[in-house]
Amino acid sequence: MNPDDGPLERYRRPQGLDDATVEALGKLSEALEIIEHARGHLHAFHRLTGKADFALGDAVELLRKAGHHELAERINEELVGRNVIEGRWTFQIIDEYDETYYGPCKELELQAREKLADGRKHLFEAEMKEDRRTHGLKNHEATPPSLRGHGS
């Protein structure tokens, strides 16, 4: 095998690291990616809810212009600026998620990598790439051309 046809050092398993640990770290990384994805949905929920609140405000103004003052006032009082869950707007939900769940998960994943794999990320995926790619074939290279031969 060509020495330039392998992963960068940062994606190579540290000496002595066993398969079971690489697999466990890979699963931990997968879990964090899923949590990141869920967090993205929270941000989408936050933005969509905010847009809906402003659309409700626009509807209130249009109802007033159309002469439906009582309905407009009810929507304005009961819905515009309303909490999405008791005592909370969406930004508060995101903050609590970050503090209660996302932050600790991210920290523990980092601590596990630092303790077990010299802080290296994506070892499981890097090894999967090596197993699945066709060595020596264009578009199956281990690294971009600009990084080949650098080893870091």
N, C-alpha and C. Protein backbone atom coordinates (compact mmCIF):
# COMPACT_ATOMS: atom_id res chain seq x y z
N MET A 1 0.85 -1.19 0.00
CA MET A 1 0.00 0.00 0.00
C MET A 1 0.88 1.24 0.00
N ASN A 2 0.53 2.19 -0.78
CA ASN A 2 1.22 3.48 -0.87
C ASN A 2 1.06 4.22 0.46
N PRO A 3 2.17 4.67 1.08
CA PRO A 3 2.04 5.37 2.37
C PRO A 3 1.23 6.66 2.29
N ASP A 4 1.15 7.25 1.09
CA ASP A 4 0.34 8.45 0.91
C ASP A 4 -1.13 8.13 0.68
N ASP A 5 -1.47 6.83 0.66
CA ASP A 5 -2.84 6.41 0.37
C ASP A 5 -3.55 5.93 1.63
N GLY A 6 -3.37 6.65 2.72
CA GLY A 6 -4.04 6.30 3.96
C GLY A 6 -4.55 7.54 4.65
N PRO A 7 -5.24 7.35 5.76
CA PRO A 7 -5.80 8.50 6.48
C PRO A 7 -4.71 9.35 7.13
N LEU A 8 -5.05 10.58 7.39
CA LEU A 8 -4.16 11.45 8.13
C LEU A 8 -3.95 10.89 9.54
N GLU A 9 -2.87 11.26 10.16
CA GLU A 9 -2.55 10.78 11.51
C GLU A 9 -3.71 11.03 12.48
N ARG A 10 -4.35 12.17 12.35
CA ARG A 10 -5.45 12.52 13.27
C ARG A 10 -6.62 11.54 13.20
N TYR A 11 -6.68 10.76 12.12
CA TYR A 11 -7.75 9.76 11.96
C TYR A 11 -7.24 8.33 12.12
N ARG A 12 -6.01 8.20 12.58
CA ARG A 12 -5.45 6.87 12.80
C ARG A 12 -5.59 6.50 14.27
N ARG A 13 -5.92 5.26 14.49
CA ARG A 13 -6.09 4.73 15.84
C ARG A 13 -4.77 4.84 16.61
N PRO A 14 -4.81 5.42 17.81
CA PRO A 14 -3.59 5.43 18.62
C PRO A 14 -3.15 4.00 18.95
N GLN A 15 -1.87 3.82 19.07
CA GLN A 15 -1.33 2.49 19.35
C GLN A 15 -1.94 1.93 20.63
N GLY A 16 -2.36 0.67 20.56
CA GLY A 16 -2.91 -0.01 21.71
C GLY A 16 -4.41 0.13 21.89
N LEU A 17 -5.06 0.96 21.08
CA LEU A 17 -6.51 1.15 21.20
C LEU A 17 -7.22 -0.03 20.55
N ASP A 18 -8.07 -0.70 21.29
CA ASP A 18 -8.71 -1.93 20.82
C ASP A 18 -9.98 -1.65 20.01
N ASP A 19 -10.42 -2.67 19.27
CA ASP A 19 -11.60 -2.56 18.42
C ASP A 19 -12.86 -2.20 19.21
N ALA A 20 -13.03 -2.80 20.37
CA ALA A 20 -14.24 -2.55 21.16
C ALA A 20 -14.31 -1.08 21.59
N THR A 21 -13.18 -0.49 21.93
CA THR A 21 -13.17 0.92 22.34
C THR A 21 -13.43 1.83 21.16
N VAL A 22 -12.84 1.51 20.01
CA VAL A 22 -13.10 2.31 18.80
C VAL A 22 -14.58 2.25 18.45
N GLU A 23 -15.17 1.06 18.55
CA GLU A 23 -16.59 0.92 18.26
C GLU A 23 -17.44 1.70 19.26
N ALA A 24 -17.08 1.63 20.54
CA ALA A 24 -17.84 2.36 21.57
C ALA A 24 -17.73 3.86 21.36
N LEU A 25 -16.53 4.36 21.05
CA LEU A 25 -16.37 5.79 20.78
C LEU A 25 -17.14 6.19 19.53
N GLY A 26 -17.19 5.31 18.54
CA GLY A 26 -17.98 5.58 17.33
C GLY A 26 -19.46 5.70 17.65
N LYS A 27 -19.95 4.84 18.52
CA LYS A 27 -21.37 4.89 18.91
C LYS A 27 -21.65 6.15 19.72
N LEU A 28 -20.71 6.54 20.58
CA LEU A 28 -20.86 7.77 21.35
C LEU A 28 -20.89 8.99 20.42
N SER A 29 -20.03 8.97 19.42
CA SER A 29 -20.02 10.04 18.42
C SER A 29 -21.33 10.08 17.65
N GLU A 30 -21.84 8.91 17.29
CA GLU A 30 -23.13 8.83 16.59
C GLU A 30 -24.24 9.43 17.44
N ALA A 31 -24.24 9.09 18.73
CA ALA A 31 -25.26 9.63 19.63
C ALA A 31 -25.18 11.15 19.68
N LEU A 32 -23.97 11.70 19.77
CA LEU A 32 -23.81 13.15 19.80
C LEU A 32 -24.30 13.78 18.49
N GLU A 33 -24.02 13.14 17.36
CA GLU A 33 -24.52 13.66 16.08
C GLU A 33 -26.05 13.68 16.05
N ILE A 34 -26.68 12.67 16.60
CA ILE A 34 -28.15 12.63 16.65
C ILE A 34 -28.66 13.76 17.55
N ILE A 35 -27.99 13.97 18.67
CA ILE A 35 -28.35 15.05 19.58
C ILE A 35 -28.18 16.40 18.90
N GLU A 36 -27.10 16.56 18.13
CA GLU A 36 -26.89 17.80 17.37
C GLU A 36 -28.03 18.01 16.37
N HIS A 37 -28.44 16.93 15.73
CA HIS A 37 -29.54 17.00 14.77
C HIS A 37 -30.83 17.43 15.47
N ALA A 38 -31.11 16.82 16.61
CA ALA A 38 -32.30 17.20 17.40
C ALA A 38 -32.23 18.66 17.79
N ARG A 39 -31.04 19.11 18.19
CA ARG A 39 -30.86 20.51 18.57
C ARG A 39 -31.16 21.43 17.38
N GLY A 40 -30.77 21.00 16.19
CA GLY A 40 -31.09 21.77 14.98
C GLY A 40 -32.59 21.89 14.78
N HIS A 41 -33.30 20.82 15.09
CA HIS A 41 -34.76 20.88 14.99
C HIS A 41 -35.35 21.85 16.01
N LEU A 42 -34.73 21.91 17.18
CA LEU A 42 -35.19 22.89 18.17
C LEU A 42 -35.02 24.32 17.64
N HIS A 43 -33.90 24.56 16.98
CA HIS A 43 -33.69 25.90 16.40
C HIS A 43 -34.69 26.18 15.28
N ALA A 44 -35.00 25.16 14.49
CA ALA A 44 -36.02 25.33 13.45
C ALA A 44 -37.38 25.61 14.09
N PHE A 45 -37.71 24.87 15.13
CA PHE A 45 -38.95 25.08 15.89
C PHE A 45 -39.00 26.52 16.42
N HIS A 46 -37.89 26.99 16.96
CA HIS A 46 -37.79 28.35 17.49
C HIS A 46 -38.06 29.38 16.40
N ARG A 47 -37.41 29.22 15.25
CA ARG A 47 -37.58 30.19 14.16
C ARG A 47 -38.99 30.15 13.58
N LEU A 48 -39.52 28.95 13.38
CA LEU A 48 -40.87 28.84 12.82
C LEU A 48 -41.92 29.38 13.78
N THR A 49 -41.74 29.12 15.07
CA THR A 49 -42.68 29.64 16.05
C THR A 49 -42.64 31.16 16.07
N GLY A 50 -41.44 31.73 15.99
CA GLY A 50 -41.31 33.19 15.93
C GLY A 50 -41.97 33.78 14.70
N LYS A 51 -41.75 33.11 13.54
CA LYS A 51 -42.41 33.58 12.31
C LYS A 51 -43.93 33.51 12.44
N ALA A 52 -44.41 32.44 13.07
CA ALA A 52 -45.86 32.29 13.26
C ALA A 52 -46.39 33.40 14.15
N ASP A 53 -45.65 33.77 15.19
CA ASP A 53 -46.09 34.83 16.10
C ASP A 53 -46.20 36.16 15.34
N PHE A 54 -45.22 36.44 14.49
CA PHE A 54 -45.31 37.68 13.70
C PHE A 54 -46.44 37.62 12.68
N ALA A 55 -46.70 36.43 12.11
CA ALA A 55 -47.83 36.28 11.19
C ALA A 55 -49.15 36.49 11.93
N LEU A 56 -49.23 36.02 13.16
CA LEU A 56 -50.43 36.28 13.97
C LEU A 56 -50.62 37.78 14.18
N GLY A 57 -49.52 38.47 14.43
CA GLY A 57 -49.60 39.93 14.58
C GLY A 57 -50.10 40.60 13.32
N ASP A 58 -49.61 40.12 12.17
CA ASP A 58 -50.09 40.65 10.89
C ASP A 58 -51.58 40.37 10.71
N ALA A 59 -52.00 39.16 11.09
CA ALA A 59 -53.42 38.80 10.97
C ALA A 59 -54.27 39.71 11.85
N VAL A 60 -53.78 40.03 13.02
CA VAL A 60 -54.51 40.93 13.92
C VAL A 60 -54.71 42.29 13.24
N GLU A 61 -53.66 42.81 12.65
CA GLU A 61 -53.77 44.11 11.98
C GLU A 61 -54.75 44.06 10.81
N LEU A 62 -54.69 42.97 10.03
CA LEU A 62 -55.60 42.83 8.89
C LEU A 62 -57.05 42.68 9.35
N LEU A 63 -57.25 41.92 10.42
CA LEU A 63 -58.61 41.79 10.96
C LEU A 63 -59.13 43.13 11.45
N ARG A 64 -58.29 43.93 12.08
CA ARG A 64 -58.70 45.26 12.53
C ARG A 64 -59.08 46.14 11.35
N LYS A 65 -58.24 46.12 10.30
CA LYS A 65 -58.53 46.91 9.10
C LYS A 65 -59.83 46.49 8.44
N ALA A 66 -60.13 45.19 8.55
CA ALA A 66 -61.37 44.67 7.97
C ALA A 66 -62.58 44.89 8.87
N GLY A 67 -62.35 45.51 10.04
CA GLY A 67 -63.46 45.84 10.92
C GLY A 67 -63.80 44.78 11.94
N HIS A 68 -62.97 43.77 12.11
CA HIS A 68 -63.25 42.67 13.05
C HIS A 68 -62.44 42.89 14.33
N HIS A 69 -62.75 43.99 14.99
CA HIS A 69 -61.95 44.43 16.14
C HIS A 69 -62.00 43.46 17.32
N GLU A 70 -63.15 42.92 17.61
CA GLU A 70 -63.28 42.02 18.75
C GLU A 70 -62.45 40.75 18.55
N LEU A 71 -62.53 40.14 17.37
CA LEU A 71 -61.74 38.94 17.06
C LEU A 71 -60.25 39.28 17.04
N ALA A 72 -59.91 40.41 16.44
CA ALA A 72 -58.51 40.83 16.39
C ALA A 72 -57.95 40.99 17.79
N GLU A 73 -58.73 41.62 18.66
CA GLU A 73 -58.24 41.84 20.02
C GLU A 73 -58.10 40.53 20.78
N ARG A 74 -59.01 39.60 20.56
CA ARG A 74 -58.91 38.30 21.23
C ARG A 74 -57.65 37.55 20.79
N ILE A 75 -57.40 37.52 19.48
CA ILE A 75 -56.19 36.86 18.97
C ILE A 75 -54.94 37.55 19.50
N ASN A 76 -54.97 38.88 19.52
CA ASN A 76 -53.82 39.64 20.01
C ASN A 76 -53.54 39.32 21.49
N GLU A 77 -54.56 39.30 22.29
CA GLU A 77 -54.39 39.06 23.71
C GLU A 77 -54.06 37.60 24.03
N GLU A 78 -54.70 36.66 23.34
CA GLU A 78 -54.56 35.25 23.70
C GLU A 78 -53.42 34.52 22.99
N LEU A 79 -53.06 34.98 21.78
CA LEU A 79 -52.06 34.23 21.02
C LEU A 79 -50.74 34.97 20.79
N VAL A 80 -50.79 36.24 20.45
CA VAL A 80 -49.55 36.97 20.14
C VAL A 80 -48.70 37.02 21.40
N GLY A 81 -47.46 36.56 21.30
CA GLY A 81 -46.54 36.58 22.43
C GLY A 81 -46.77 35.50 23.48
N ARG A 82 -47.62 34.54 23.16
CA ARG A 82 -47.98 33.49 24.11
C ARG A 82 -46.79 32.54 24.34
N ASN A 83 -46.67 32.03 25.55
CA ASN A 83 -45.69 30.98 25.84
C ASN A 83 -46.04 29.72 25.05
N VAL A 84 -45.04 29.00 24.60
CA VAL A 84 -45.31 27.75 23.87
C VAL A 84 -45.50 26.58 24.82
N ILE A 85 -44.82 26.63 25.95
CA ILE A 85 -45.12 25.74 27.07
C ILE A 85 -45.10 26.62 28.30
N GLU A 86 -45.63 26.14 29.39
CA GLU A 86 -45.84 26.99 30.57
C GLU A 86 -44.57 27.76 30.95
N GLY A 87 -44.68 29.09 30.90
CA GLY A 87 -43.61 29.96 31.34
C GLY A 87 -42.44 30.11 30.38
N ARG A 88 -42.53 29.50 29.20
CA ARG A 88 -41.37 29.50 28.31
C ARG A 88 -41.71 29.84 26.87
N TRP A 89 -40.87 30.69 26.31
CA TRP A 89 -40.80 30.87 24.86
C TRP A 89 -39.77 29.87 24.35
N THR A 90 -39.66 29.77 23.05
CA THR A 90 -38.78 28.75 22.47
C THR A 90 -37.31 28.96 22.80
N PHE A 91 -36.86 30.22 22.92
CA PHE A 91 -35.45 30.44 23.25
C PHE A 91 -35.11 29.85 24.61
N GLN A 92 -36.06 29.87 25.52
CA GLN A 92 -35.83 29.31 26.85
C GLN A 92 -35.75 27.79 26.80
N ILE A 93 -36.53 27.19 25.93
CA ILE A 93 -36.46 25.73 25.75
C ILE A 93 -35.09 25.35 25.22
N ILE A 94 -34.60 26.09 24.23
CA ILE A 94 -33.27 25.81 23.67
C ILE A 94 -32.20 25.97 24.75
N ASP A 95 -32.26 27.05 25.51
CA ASP A 95 -31.26 27.26 26.56
C ASP A 95 -31.27 26.13 27.59
N GLU A 96 -32.45 25.71 27.99
CA GLU A 96 -32.53 24.62 28.97
C GLU A 96 -32.05 23.30 28.39
N TYR A 97 -32.37 23.05 27.12
CA TYR A 97 -31.87 21.84 26.45
C TYR A 97 -30.35 21.86 26.42
N ASP A 98 -29.79 23.00 26.05
CA ASP A 98 -28.34 23.12 25.98
C ASP A 98 -27.69 22.89 27.34
N GLU A 99 -28.25 23.49 28.37
CA GLU A 99 -27.67 23.40 29.71
C GLU A 99 -27.89 22.03 30.36
N THR A 100 -29.05 21.45 30.13
CA THR A 100 -29.43 20.22 30.81
C THR A 100 -28.98 18.96 30.08
N TYR A 101 -28.94 19.01 28.75
CA TYR A 101 -28.72 17.77 27.98
C TYR A 101 -27.57 17.89 27.00
N TYR A 102 -27.66 18.83 26.07
CA TYR A 102 -26.66 18.95 25.01
C TYR A 102 -25.26 19.22 25.55
N GLY A 103 -25.13 20.19 26.44
CA GLY A 103 -23.82 20.54 26.99
C GLY A 103 -23.14 19.37 27.69
N PRO A 104 -23.83 18.71 28.62
CA PRO A 104 -23.22 17.56 29.28
C PRO A 104 -22.86 16.42 28.31
N CYS A 105 -23.71 16.18 27.30
CA CYS A 105 -23.41 15.13 26.32
C CYS A 105 -22.14 15.48 25.54
N LYS A 106 -22.05 16.72 25.10
CA LYS A 106 -20.88 17.16 24.34
C LYS A 106 -19.61 17.06 25.19
N GLU A 107 -19.70 17.48 26.43
CA GLU A 107 -18.55 17.44 27.34
C GLU A 107 -18.10 16.00 27.61
N LEU A 108 -19.04 15.10 27.87
CA LEU A 108 -18.67 13.72 28.15
C LEU A 108 -18.11 13.01 26.93
N GLU A 109 -18.63 13.33 25.76
CA GLU A 109 -18.07 12.74 24.53
C GLU A 109 -16.63 13.18 24.36
N LEU A 110 -16.34 14.46 24.58
CA LEU A 110 -14.98 14.98 24.48
C LEU A 110 -14.08 14.32 25.53
N GLN A 111 -14.55 14.21 26.76
CA GLN A 111 -13.75 13.58 27.81
C GLN A 111 -13.43 12.13 27.47
N ALA A 112 -14.39 11.42 26.92
CA ALA A 112 -14.16 10.02 26.53
C ALA A 112 -13.09 9.93 25.45
N ARG A 113 -13.19 10.79 24.44
CA ARG A 113 -12.17 10.79 23.37
C ARG A 113 -10.80 11.15 23.91
N GLU A 114 -10.74 12.16 24.78
CA GLU A 114 -9.45 12.57 25.33
C GLU A 114 -8.82 11.46 26.18
N LYS A 115 -9.64 10.81 26.98
CA LYS A 115 -9.14 9.75 27.87
C LYS A 115 -8.75 8.49 27.11
N LEU A 116 -9.53 8.13 26.11
CA LEU A 116 -9.35 6.82 25.46
C LEU A 116 -8.62 6.87 24.11
N ALA A 117 -8.67 8.01 23.41
CA ALA A 117 -8.15 8.03 22.03
C ALA A 117 -7.32 9.28 21.73
N ASP A 118 -6.65 9.81 22.73
CA ASP A 118 -5.82 11.01 22.54
C ASP A 118 -6.62 12.16 21.94
N GLY A 119 -7.93 12.19 22.19
CA GLY A 119 -8.78 13.27 21.69
C GLY A 119 -9.20 13.14 20.25
N ARG A 120 -8.78 12.08 19.59
CA ARG A 120 -9.06 11.93 18.15
C ARG A 120 -10.53 11.66 17.89
N LYS A 121 -11.02 12.30 16.84
CA LYS A 121 -12.42 12.16 16.42
C LYS A 121 -12.53 11.17 15.26
N HIS A 122 -13.68 10.61 15.11
CA HIS A 122 -14.10 9.86 13.93
C HIS A 122 -13.18 8.68 13.57
N LEU A 123 -12.60 8.02 14.55
CA LEU A 123 -11.76 6.86 14.27
C LEU A 123 -12.56 5.74 13.63
N PHE A 124 -13.75 5.49 14.15
CA PHE A 124 -14.59 4.43 13.60
C PHE A 124 -14.92 4.69 12.14
N GLU A 125 -15.30 5.94 11.85
CA GLU A 125 -15.65 6.31 10.48
C GLU A 125 -14.43 6.26 9.56
N ALA A 126 -13.28 6.71 10.05
CA ALA A 126 -12.07 6.69 9.24
C ALA A 126 -11.69 5.25 8.87
N GLU A 127 -11.84 4.35 9.82
CA GLU A 127 -11.54 2.95 9.53
C GLU A 127 -12.58 2.35 8.58
N MET A 128 -13.83 2.76 8.73
CA MET A 128 -14.87 2.30 7.81
C MET A 128 -14.55 2.79 6.39
N LYS A 129 -14.11 4.03 6.27
CA LYS A 129 -13.75 4.57 4.96
C LYS A 129 -12.64 3.73 4.34
N GLU A 130 -11.63 3.41 5.15
CA GLU A 130 -10.51 2.60 4.63
C GLU A 130 -11.00 1.23 4.15
N ASP A 131 -11.94 0.65 4.87
CA ASP A 131 -12.47 -0.67 4.49
C ASP A 131 -13.34 -0.60 3.24
N ARG A 132 -14.06 0.50 3.04
CA ARG A 132 -15.07 0.57 1.98
C ARG A 132 -14.55 1.18 0.67
N ARG A 133 -13.54 2.02 0.74
CA ARG A 133 -13.08 2.68 -0.49
C ARG A 133 -12.23 1.73 -1.33
N THR A 134 -12.14 2.02 -2.61
CA THR A 134 -11.30 1.24 -3.52
C THR A 134 -9.95 1.94 -3.61
N HIS A 135 -8.97 1.37 -2.95
CA HIS A 135 -7.64 1.98 -2.90
C HIS A 135 -7.06 2.12 -4.31
N GLY A 136 -6.50 3.31 -4.57
CA GLY A 136 -5.87 3.57 -5.86
C GLY A 136 -6.80 4.07 -6.95
N LEU A 137 -8.09 4.11 -6.70
CA LEU A 137 -9.05 4.54 -7.71
C LEU A 137 -9.41 6.01 -7.49
N LYS A 138 -9.50 6.77 -8.59
CA LYS A 138 -9.87 8.18 -8.50
C LYS A 138 -11.22 8.31 -7.78
N ASN A 139 -11.32 9.34 -6.97
CA ASN A 139 -12.50 9.63 -6.14
C ASN A 139 -12.69 8.65 -4.98
N HIS A 140 -11.66 7.86 -4.72
CA HIS A 140 -11.66 6.96 -3.56
C HIS A 140 -10.44 7.24 -2.69
N GLU A 141 -9.81 8.38 -2.87
CA GLU A 141 -8.61 8.71 -2.14
C GLU A 141 -8.91 8.85 -0.64
N ALA A 142 -7.89 8.63 0.17
CA ALA A 142 -8.03 8.75 1.62
C ALA A 142 -8.10 10.21 2.06
N THR A 143 -7.42 11.08 1.33
CA THR A 143 -7.34 12.50 1.70
C THR A 143 -7.38 13.37 0.45
N PRO A 144 -7.66 14.64 0.59
CA PRO A 144 -7.59 15.55 -0.54
C PRO A 144 -6.13 15.65 -1.05
N PRO A 145 -5.93 15.92 -2.33
CA PRO A 145 -4.56 15.99 -2.87
C PRO A 145 -3.65 16.95 -2.09
N SER A 146 -4.19 18.06 -1.64
CA SER A 146 -3.37 19.04 -0.94
C SER A 146 -2.83 18.54 0.40
N LEU A 147 -3.41 17.48 0.95
CA LEU A 147 -2.98 16.98 2.25
C LEU A 147 -2.17 15.68 2.15
N ARG A 148 -2.07 15.10 0.99
CA ARG A 148 -1.35 13.84 0.85
C ARG A 148 0.13 14.02 1.16
N GLY A 149 0.63 13.09 1.94
CA GLY A 149 2.04 13.12 2.28
C GLY A 149 2.36 13.97 3.49
N HIS A 150 1.32 14.62 4.09
CA HIS A 150 1.56 15.47 5.26
C HIS A 150 1.44 14.71 6.57
N GLY A 151 0.67 13.63 6.57
CA GLY A 151 0.54 12.78 7.74
C GLY A 151 -0.13 13.37 8.96
N SER A 152 -0.50 14.64 8.96
CA SER A 152 -1.10 15.22 10.18
C SER A 152 -2.53 15.51 10.04
